[in-house]
Amino acid sequence: MGSVVISQELGISKRSADEVYRHYADYGCIPSLAKPGRKKGWELTEDKVNLNSYSKYLVNALYLQYMNRADTRININHNGYRGS
């Protein structure tokens, strides 16, 4: 079986299947994942960021977008924000 068929059966990318096969061919054992999954991101939500920034600066949505980007390096589009 080729790596394309294996990747389709397991639902992983072809590159991942190639890496597993290469490790198995080199060392004779299947590799184990140390910490599987995505890394945890920021704990701040858009609502918290916007409320904190608005209470600090008291500006409209357009300027709030620039302030959020400067303070937290998170870009929240002022057109797409739907407050709860």
PDB file of N, CA and C in Angstrom:
ATOM      1  N   MET A   1       0.842  -1.193   0.000  1.00  0.00           N
ATOM      2  CA  MET A   1       0.000   0.000   0.000  1.00  0.00           C
ATOM      3  C   MET A   1       0.874   1.240   0.000  1.00  0.00           C
ATOM      4  N   GLY A   2       0.434   2.230  -0.746  1.00  0.00           N
ATOM      5  CA  GLY A   2       1.169   3.478  -0.787  1.00  0.00           C
ATOM      6  C   GLY A   2       0.751   4.403   0.346  1.00  0.00           C
ATOM      7  N   SER A   3       1.530   5.460   0.539  1.00  0.00           N
ATOM      8  CA  SER A   3       1.240   6.387   1.629  1.00  0.00           C
ATOM      9  C   SER A   3      -0.043   7.172   1.393  1.00  0.00           C
ATOM     10  N   VAL A   4      -0.442   7.322   0.127  1.00  0.00           N
ATOM     11  CA  VAL A   4      -1.691   8.035  -0.180  1.00  0.00           C
ATOM     12  C   VAL A   4      -2.882   7.232   0.320  1.00  0.00           C
ATOM     13  N   VAL A   5      -2.871   5.921   0.075  1.00  0.00           N
ATOM     14  CA  VAL A   5      -3.966   5.048   0.510  1.00  0.00           C
ATOM     15  C   VAL A   5      -4.013   4.988   2.031  1.00  0.00           C
ATOM     16  N   ILE A   6      -2.855   4.867   2.654  1.00  0.00           N
ATOM     17  CA  ILE A   6      -2.789   4.809   4.117  1.00  0.00           C
ATOM     18  C   ILE A   6      -3.303   6.104   4.725  1.00  0.00           C
ATOM     19  N   SER A   7      -2.898   7.234   4.168  1.00  0.00           N
ATOM     20  CA  SER A   7      -3.333   8.520   4.715  1.00  0.00           C
ATOM     21  C   SER A   7      -4.833   8.709   4.555  1.00  0.00           C
ATOM     22  N   GLN A   8      -5.402   8.244   3.460  1.00  0.00           N
ATOM     23  CA  GLN A   8      -6.845   8.347   3.272  1.00  0.00           C
ATOM     24  C   GLN A   8      -7.595   7.448   4.245  1.00  0.00           C
ATOM     25  N   GLU A   9      -7.079   6.244   4.476  1.00  0.00           N
ATOM     26  CA  GLU A   9      -7.725   5.315   5.409  1.00  0.00           C
ATOM     27  C   GLU A   9      -7.703   5.841   6.841  1.00  0.00           C
ATOM     28  N   LEU A  10      -6.587   6.444   7.242  1.00  0.00           N
ATOM     29  CA  LEU A  10      -6.441   6.919   8.615  1.00  0.00           C
ATOM     30  C   LEU A  10      -6.921   8.346   8.809  1.00  0.00           C
ATOM     31  N   GLY A  11      -7.161   9.054   7.709  1.00  0.00           N
ATOM     32  CA  GLY A  11      -7.628  10.431   7.816  1.00  0.00           C
ATOM     33  C   GLY A  11      -6.534  11.408   8.216  1.00  0.00           C
ATOM     34  N   ILE A  12      -5.301  11.122   7.788  1.00  0.00           N
ATOM     35  CA  ILE A  12      -4.181  12.013   8.070  1.00  0.00           C
ATOM     36  C   ILE A  12      -3.592  12.477   6.745  1.00  0.00           C
ATOM     37  N   SER A  13      -2.668  13.418   6.812  1.00  0.00           N
ATOM     38  CA  SER A  13      -2.064  13.917   5.582  1.00  0.00           C
ATOM     39  C   SER A  13      -1.031  12.910   5.058  1.00  0.00           C
ATOM     40  N   LYS A  14      -0.727  13.033   3.773  1.00  0.00           N
ATOM     41  CA  LYS A  14       0.268  12.157   3.148  1.00  0.00           C
ATOM     42  C   LYS A  14       1.630  12.349   3.799  1.00  0.00           C
ATOM     43  N   ARG A  15       1.934  13.586   4.147  1.00  0.00           N
ATOM     44  CA  ARG A  15       3.212  13.889   4.792  1.00  0.00           C
ATOM     45  C   ARG A  15       3.329  13.182   6.140  1.00  0.00           C
ATOM     46  N   SER A  16       2.249  13.175   6.912  1.00  0.00           N
ATOM     47  CA  SER A  16       2.271  12.497   8.208  1.00  0.00           C
ATOM     48  C   SER A  16       2.476  10.993   8.038  1.00  0.00           C
ATOM     49  N   ALA A  17       1.807  10.412   7.039  1.00  0.00           N
ATOM     50  CA  ALA A  17       1.987   8.986   6.773  1.00  0.00           C
ATOM     51  C   ALA A  17       3.419   8.682   6.365  1.00  0.00           C
ATOM     52  N   ASP A  18       4.018   9.545   5.564  1.00  0.00           N
ATOM     53  CA  ASP A  18       5.419   9.361   5.161  1.00  0.00           C
ATOM     54  C   ASP A  18       6.361   9.429   6.360  1.00  0.00           C
ATOM     55  N   GLU A  19       6.104  10.349   7.283  1.00  0.00           N
ATOM     56  CA  GLU A  19       6.958  10.483   8.467  1.00  0.00           C
ATOM     57  C   GLU A  19       6.866   9.250   9.359  1.00  0.00           C
ATOM     58  N   VAL A  20       5.649   8.729   9.547  1.00  0.00           N
ATOM     59  CA  VAL A  20       5.485   7.527  10.364  1.00  0.00           C
ATOM     60  C   VAL A  20       6.193   6.350   9.708  1.00  0.00           C
ATOM     61  N   TYR A  21       6.042   6.197   8.399  1.00  0.00           N
ATOM     62  CA  TYR A  21       6.686   5.097   7.693  1.00  0.00           C
ATOM     63  C   TYR A  21       8.210   5.212   7.770  1.00  0.00           C
ATOM     64  N   ARG A  22       8.728   6.440   7.601  1.00  0.00           N
ATOM     65  CA  ARG A  22      10.174   6.641   7.655  1.00  0.00           C
ATOM     66  C   ARG A  22      10.726   6.274   9.041  1.00  0.00           C
ATOM     67  N   HIS A  23      10.019   6.673  10.088  1.00  0.00           N
ATOM     68  CA  HIS A  23      10.462   6.340  11.450  1.00  0.00           C
ATOM     69  C   HIS A  23      10.423   4.829  11.660  1.00  0.00           C
ATOM     70  N   TYR A  24       9.372   4.166  11.166  1.00  0.00           N
ATOM     71  CA  TYR A  24       9.264   2.719  11.298  1.00  0.00           C
ATOM     72  C   TYR A  24      10.373   2.013  10.524  1.00  0.00           C
ATOM     73  N   ALA A  25      10.684   2.510   9.329  1.00  0.00           N
ATOM     74  CA  ALA A  25      11.739   1.897   8.531  1.00  0.00           C
ATOM     75  C   ALA A  25      13.114   2.068   9.171  1.00  0.00           C
ATOM     76  N   ASP A  26      13.337   3.225   9.808  1.00  0.00           N
ATOM     77  CA  ASP A  26      14.639   3.494  10.422  1.00  0.00           C
ATOM     78  C   ASP A  26      14.830   2.748  11.738  1.00  0.00           C
ATOM     79  N   TYR A  27      13.813   2.743  12.600  1.00  0.00           N
ATOM     80  CA  TYR A  27      13.971   2.234  13.958  1.00  0.00           C
ATOM     81  C   TYR A  27      13.240   0.927  14.236  1.00  0.00           C
ATOM     82  N   GLY A  28      12.327   0.521  13.362  1.00  0.00           N
ATOM     83  CA  GLY A  28      11.629  -0.750  13.546  1.00  0.00           C
ATOM     84  C   GLY A  28      10.474  -0.698  14.536  1.00  0.00           C
ATOM     85  N   CYS A  29      10.083   0.494  14.974  1.00  0.00           N
ATOM     86  CA  CYS A  29       8.947   0.615  15.894  1.00  0.00           C
ATOM     87  C   CYS A  29       8.092   1.807  15.472  1.00  0.00           C
ATOM     88  N   ILE A  30       6.830   1.741  15.860  1.00  0.00           N
ATOM     89  CA  ILE A  30       5.913   2.825  15.517  1.00  0.00           C
ATOM     90  C   ILE A  30       6.143   3.982  16.491  1.00  0.00           C
ATOM     91  N   PRO A  31       6.276   5.204  16.003  1.00  0.00           N
ATOM     92  CA  PRO A  31       6.534   6.336  16.903  1.00  0.00           C
ATOM     93  C   PRO A  31       5.307   6.657  17.743  1.00  0.00           C
ATOM     94  N   SER A  32       5.565   7.168  18.940  1.00  0.00           N
ATOM     95  CA  SER A  32       4.470   7.602  19.805  1.00  0.00           C
ATOM     96  C   SER A  32       4.521   9.123  19.927  1.00  0.00           C
ATOM     97  N   LEU A  33       3.361   9.716  20.102  1.00  0.00           N
ATOM     98  CA  LEU A  33       3.282  11.162  20.216  1.00  0.00           C
ATOM     99  C   LEU A  33       3.514  11.576  21.661  1.00  0.00           C
ATOM    100  N   ALA A  34       4.381  12.551  21.859  1.00  0.00           N
ATOM    101  CA  ALA A  34       4.649  13.031  23.213  1.00  0.00           C
ATOM    102  C   ALA A  34       3.476  13.843  23.745  1.00  0.00           C
ATOM    103  N   LYS A  35       3.074  14.846  22.986  1.00  0.00           N
ATOM    104  CA  LYS A  35       1.946  15.696  23.371  1.00  0.00           C
ATOM    105  C   LYS A  35       1.086  15.918  22.130  1.00  0.00           C
ATOM    106  N   PRO A  36       0.145  15.022  21.855  1.00  0.00           N
ATOM    107  CA  PRO A  36      -0.652  15.176  20.638  1.00  0.00           C
ATOM    108  C   PRO A  36      -1.619  16.345  20.724  1.00  0.00           C
ATOM    109  N   GLY A  37      -1.987  16.863  19.569  1.00  0.00           N
ATOM    110  CA  GLY A  37      -2.966  17.939  19.502  1.00  0.00           C
ATOM    111  C   GLY A  37      -2.321  19.298  19.323  1.00  0.00           C
ATOM    112  N   ARG A  38      -3.202  20.281  19.149  1.00  0.00           N
ATOM    113  CA  ARG A  38      -2.716  21.652  18.988  1.00  0.00           C
ATOM    114  C   ARG A  38      -2.298  22.240  20.323  1.00  0.00           C
ATOM    115  N   LYS A  39      -1.397  23.201  20.240  1.00  0.00           N
ATOM    116  CA  LYS A  39      -0.983  23.910  21.441  1.00  0.00           C
ATOM    117  C   LYS A  39      -2.105  24.842  21.882  1.00  0.00           C
ATOM    118  N   LYS A  40      -2.204  25.029  23.168  1.00  0.00           N
ATOM    119  CA  LYS A  40      -3.234  25.911  23.702  1.00  0.00           C
ATOM    120  C   LYS A  40      -2.918  27.343  23.329  1.00  0.00           C
ATOM    121  N   GLY A  41      -3.940  28.060  22.912  1.00  0.00           N
ATOM    122  CA  GLY A  41      -3.762  29.439  22.495  1.00  0.00           C
ATOM    123  C   GLY A  41      -4.082  30.403  23.621  1.00  0.00           C
ATOM    124  N   TRP A  42      -4.427  31.594  23.252  1.00  0.00           N
ATOM    125  CA  TRP A  42      -4.784  32.619  24.221  1.00  0.00           C
ATOM    126  C   TRP A  42      -6.075  32.242  24.917  1.00  0.00           C
ATOM    127  N   GLU A  43      -6.192  32.595  26.175  1.00  0.00           N
ATOM    128  CA  GLU A  43      -7.403  32.333  26.928  1.00  0.00           C
ATOM    129  C   GLU A  43      -8.414  33.464  26.783  1.00  0.00           C
ATOM    130  N   LEU A  44      -7.990  34.568  26.212  1.00  0.00           N
ATOM    131  CA  LEU A  44      -8.889  35.707  26.074  1.00  0.00           C
ATOM    132  C   LEU A  44      -9.863  35.487  24.930  1.00  0.00           C
ATOM    133  N   THR A  45     -11.106  35.816  25.151  1.00  0.00           N
ATOM    134  CA  THR A  45     -12.079  35.759  24.074  1.00  0.00           C
ATOM    135  C   THR A  45     -12.246  37.160  23.511  1.00  0.00           C
ATOM    136  N   GLU A  46     -12.903  37.242  22.364  1.00  0.00           N
ATOM    137  CA  GLU A  46     -13.111  38.547  21.737  1.00  0.00           C
ATOM    138  C   GLU A  46     -13.937  39.455  22.625  1.00  0.00           C
ATOM    139  N   ASP A  47     -14.923  38.879  23.312  1.00  0.00           N
ATOM    140  CA  ASP A  47     -15.775  39.691  24.177  1.00  0.00           C
ATOM    141  C   ASP A  47     -14.977  40.339  25.304  1.00  0.00           C
ATOM    142  N   LYS A  48     -14.124  39.537  25.951  1.00  0.00           N
ATOM    143  CA  LYS A  48     -13.328  40.070  27.058  1.00  0.00           C
ATOM    144  C   LYS A  48     -12.356  41.144  26.580  1.00  0.00           C
ATOM    145  N   VAL A  49     -11.736  40.885  25.436  1.00  0.00           N
ATOM    146  CA  VAL A  49     -10.775  41.848  24.898  1.00  0.00           C
ATOM    147  C   VAL A  49     -11.474  43.156  24.574  1.00  0.00           C
ATOM    148  N   ASN A  50     -12.627  43.069  23.898  1.00  0.00           N
ATOM    149  CA  ASN A  50     -13.342  44.274  23.520  1.00  0.00           C
ATOM    150  C   ASN A  50     -13.874  45.032  24.728  1.00  0.00           C
ATOM    151  N   LEU A  51     -14.412  44.336  25.715  1.00  0.00           N
ATOM    152  CA  LEU A  51     -14.935  45.014  26.902  1.00  0.00           C
ATOM    153  C   LEU A  51     -13.825  45.683  27.696  1.00  0.00           C
ATOM    154  N   ASN A  52     -12.706  44.996  27.837  1.00  0.00           N
ATOM    155  CA  ASN A  52     -11.581  45.584  28.567  1.00  0.00           C
ATOM    156  C   ASN A  52     -11.032  46.812  27.845  1.00  0.00           C
ATOM    157  N   SER A  53     -10.892  46.695  26.525  1.00  0.00           N
ATOM    158  CA  SER A  53     -10.361  47.819  25.756  1.00  0.00           C
ATOM    159  C   SER A  53     -11.339  48.987  25.724  1.00  0.00           C
ATOM    160  N   TYR A  54     -12.623  48.689  25.598  1.00  0.00           N
ATOM    161  CA  TYR A  54     -13.605  49.770  25.543  1.00  0.00           C
ATOM    162  C   TYR A  54     -13.674  50.518  26.866  1.00  0.00           C
ATOM    163  N   SER A  55     -13.635  49.784  27.973  1.00  0.00           N
ATOM    164  CA  SER A  55     -13.682  50.470  29.266  1.00  0.00           C
ATOM    165  C   SER A  55     -12.414  51.283  29.520  1.00  0.00           C
ATOM    166  N   LYS A  56     -11.312  50.886  28.889  1.00  0.00           N
ATOM    167  CA  LYS A  56     -10.054  51.608  29.062  1.00  0.00           C
ATOM    168  C   LYS A  56      -9.987  52.857  28.181  1.00  0.00           C
ATOM    169  N   TYR A  57     -10.398  52.741  26.915  1.00  0.00           N
ATOM    170  CA  TYR A  57     -10.210  53.832  25.962  1.00  0.00           C
ATOM    171  C   TYR A  57     -11.478  54.635  25.653  1.00  0.00           C
ATOM    172  N   LEU A  58     -12.664  54.009  25.753  1.00  0.00           N
ATOM    173  CA  LEU A  58     -13.944  54.655  25.447  1.00  0.00           C
ATOM    174  C   LEU A  58     -13.949  55.266  24.038  1.00  0.00           C
ATOM    175  N   VAL A  59     -13.647  54.429  23.051  1.00  0.00           N
ATOM    176  CA  VAL A  59     -13.627  54.853  21.652  1.00  0.00           C
ATOM    177  C   VAL A  59     -14.555  53.949  20.843  1.00  0.00           C
ATOM    178  N   ASN A  60     -14.788  54.327  19.562  1.00  0.00           N
ATOM    179  CA  ASN A  60     -15.677  53.523  18.719  1.00  0.00           C
ATOM    180  C   ASN A  60     -14.989  52.254  18.225  1.00  0.00           C
ATOM    181  N   ALA A  61     -15.729  51.433  17.453  1.00  0.00           N
ATOM    182  CA  ALA A  61     -15.251  50.115  17.048  1.00  0.00           C
ATOM    183  C   ALA A  61     -14.018  50.172  16.156  1.00  0.00           C
ATOM    184  N   LEU A  62     -13.941  51.170  15.279  1.00  0.00           N
ATOM    185  CA  LEU A  62     -12.792  51.263  14.380  1.00  0.00           C
ATOM    186  C   LEU A  62     -11.502  51.507  15.160  1.00  0.00           C
ATOM    187  N   TYR A  63     -11.527  52.480  16.059  1.00  0.00           N
ATOM    188  CA  TYR A  63     -10.335  52.761  16.857  1.00  0.00           C
ATOM    189  C   TYR A  63     -10.063  51.656  17.874  1.00  0.00           C
ATOM    190  N   LEU A  64     -11.127  51.006  18.335  1.00  0.00           N
ATOM    191  CA  LEU A  64     -10.958  49.894  19.266  1.00  0.00           C
ATOM    192  C   LEU A  64     -10.197  48.745  18.604  1.00  0.00           C
ATOM    193  N   GLN A  65     -10.408  48.553  17.319  1.00  0.00           N
ATOM    194  CA  GLN A  65      -9.672  47.532  16.578  1.00  0.00           C
ATOM    195  C   GLN A  65      -8.178  47.831  16.614  1.00  0.00           C
ATOM    196  N   TYR A  66      -7.802  49.077  16.388  1.00  0.00           N
ATOM    197  CA  TYR A  66      -6.384  49.449  16.416  1.00  0.00           C
ATOM    198  C   TYR A  66      -5.799  49.331  17.815  1.00  0.00           C
ATOM    199  N   MET A  67      -6.565  49.699  18.827  1.00  0.00           N
ATOM    200  CA  MET A  67      -6.081  49.609  20.206  1.00  0.00           C
ATOM    201  C   MET A  67      -5.884  48.155  20.623  1.00  0.00           C
ATOM    202  N   ASN A  68      -6.823  47.283  20.231  1.00  0.00           N
ATOM    203  CA  ASN A  68      -6.682  45.855  20.553  1.00  0.00           C
ATOM    204  C   ASN A  68      -5.436  45.275  19.911  1.00  0.00           C
ATOM    205  N   ARG A  69      -5.194  45.650  18.660  1.00  0.00           N
ATOM    206  CA  ARG A  69      -4.022  45.132  17.957  1.00  0.00           C
ATOM    207  C   ARG A  69      -2.737  45.619  18.610  1.00  0.00           C
ATOM    208  N   ALA A  70      -2.727  46.860  19.079  1.00  0.00           N
ATOM    209  CA  ALA A  70      -1.525  47.408  19.712  1.00  0.00           C
ATOM    210  C   ALA A  70      -1.287  46.797  21.094  1.00  0.00           C
ATOM    211  N   ASP A  71      -2.365  46.571  21.856  1.00  0.00           N
ATOM    212  CA  ASP A  71      -2.225  46.073  23.225  1.00  0.00           C
ATOM    213  C   ASP A  71      -1.986  44.570  23.287  1.00  0.00           C
ATOM    214  N   THR A  72      -2.826  43.797  22.615  1.00  0.00           N
ATOM    215  CA  THR A  72      -2.796  42.342  22.779  1.00  0.00           C
ATOM    216  C   THR A  72      -2.262  41.600  21.571  1.00  0.00           C
ATOM    217  N   ARG A  73      -1.997  42.299  20.479  1.00  0.00           N
ATOM    218  CA  ARG A  73      -1.555  41.687  19.225  1.00  0.00           C
ATOM    219  C   ARG A  73      -2.596  40.716  18.676  1.00  0.00           C
ATOM    220  N   ILE A  74      -3.860  40.950  19.021  1.00  0.00           N
ATOM    221  CA  ILE A  74      -4.969  40.170  18.490  1.00  0.00           C
ATOM    222  C   ILE A  74      -5.758  41.077  17.567  1.00  0.00           C
ATOM    223  N   ASN A  75      -5.974  40.631  16.336  1.00  0.00           N
ATOM    224  CA  ASN A  75      -6.729  41.438  15.392  1.00  0.00           C
ATOM    225  C   ASN A  75      -8.187  40.989  15.401  1.00  0.00           C
ATOM    226  N   ILE A  76      -9.082  41.864  15.852  1.00  0.00           N
ATOM    227  CA  ILE A  76     -10.508  41.605  15.844  1.00  0.00           C
ATOM    228  C   ILE A  76     -11.133  42.620  14.904  1.00  0.00           C
ATOM    229  N   ASN A  77     -11.723  42.136  13.829  1.00  0.00           N
ATOM    230  CA  ASN A  77     -12.291  42.996  12.823  1.00  0.00           C
ATOM    231  C   ASN A  77     -13.502  43.732  13.390  1.00  0.00           C
ATOM    232  N   HIS A  78     -13.562  45.047  13.238  1.00  0.00           N
ATOM    233  CA  HIS A  78     -14.662  45.813  13.800  1.00  0.00           C
ATOM    234  C   HIS A  78     -15.957  45.601  13.017  1.00  0.00           C
ATOM    235  N   ASN A  79     -15.871  45.148  11.758  1.00  0.00           N
ATOM    236  CA  ASN A  79     -17.082  44.887  10.978  1.00  0.00           C
ATOM    237  C   ASN A  79     -17.731  43.575  11.362  1.00  0.00           C
ATOM    238  N   GLY A  80     -16.945  42.608  11.743  1.00  0.00           N
ATOM    239  CA  GLY A  80     -17.467  41.266  12.001  1.00  0.00           C
ATOM    240  C   GLY A  80     -17.853  41.015  13.437  1.00  0.00           C
ATOM    241  N   TYR A  81     -17.606  41.937  14.326  1.00  0.00           N
ATOM    242  CA  TYR A  81     -17.892  41.700  15.742  1.00  0.00           C
ATOM    243  C   TYR A  81     -19.381  41.800  16.004  1.00  0.00           C
ATOM    244  N   ARG A  82     -19.911  40.789  16.650  1.00  0.00           N
ATOM    245  CA  ARG A  82     -21.314  40.782  17.044  1.00  0.00           C
ATOM    246  C   ARG A  82     -21.358  40.625  18.555  1.00  0.00           C
ATOM    247  N   GLY A  83     -21.649  41.680  19.252  1.00  0.00           N
ATOM    248  CA  GLY A  83     -21.690  41.647  20.704  1.00  0.00           C
ATOM    249  C   GLY A  83     -22.787  40.745  21.229  1.00  0.00           C
ATOM    250  N   SER A  84     -22.594  40.218  22.427  1.00  0.00           N
ATOM    251  CA  SER A  84     -23.599  39.326  22.985  1.00  0.00           C
ATOM    252  C   SER A  84     -24.578  40.052  23.863  1.00  0.00           C
TER     253      SER A  84
END
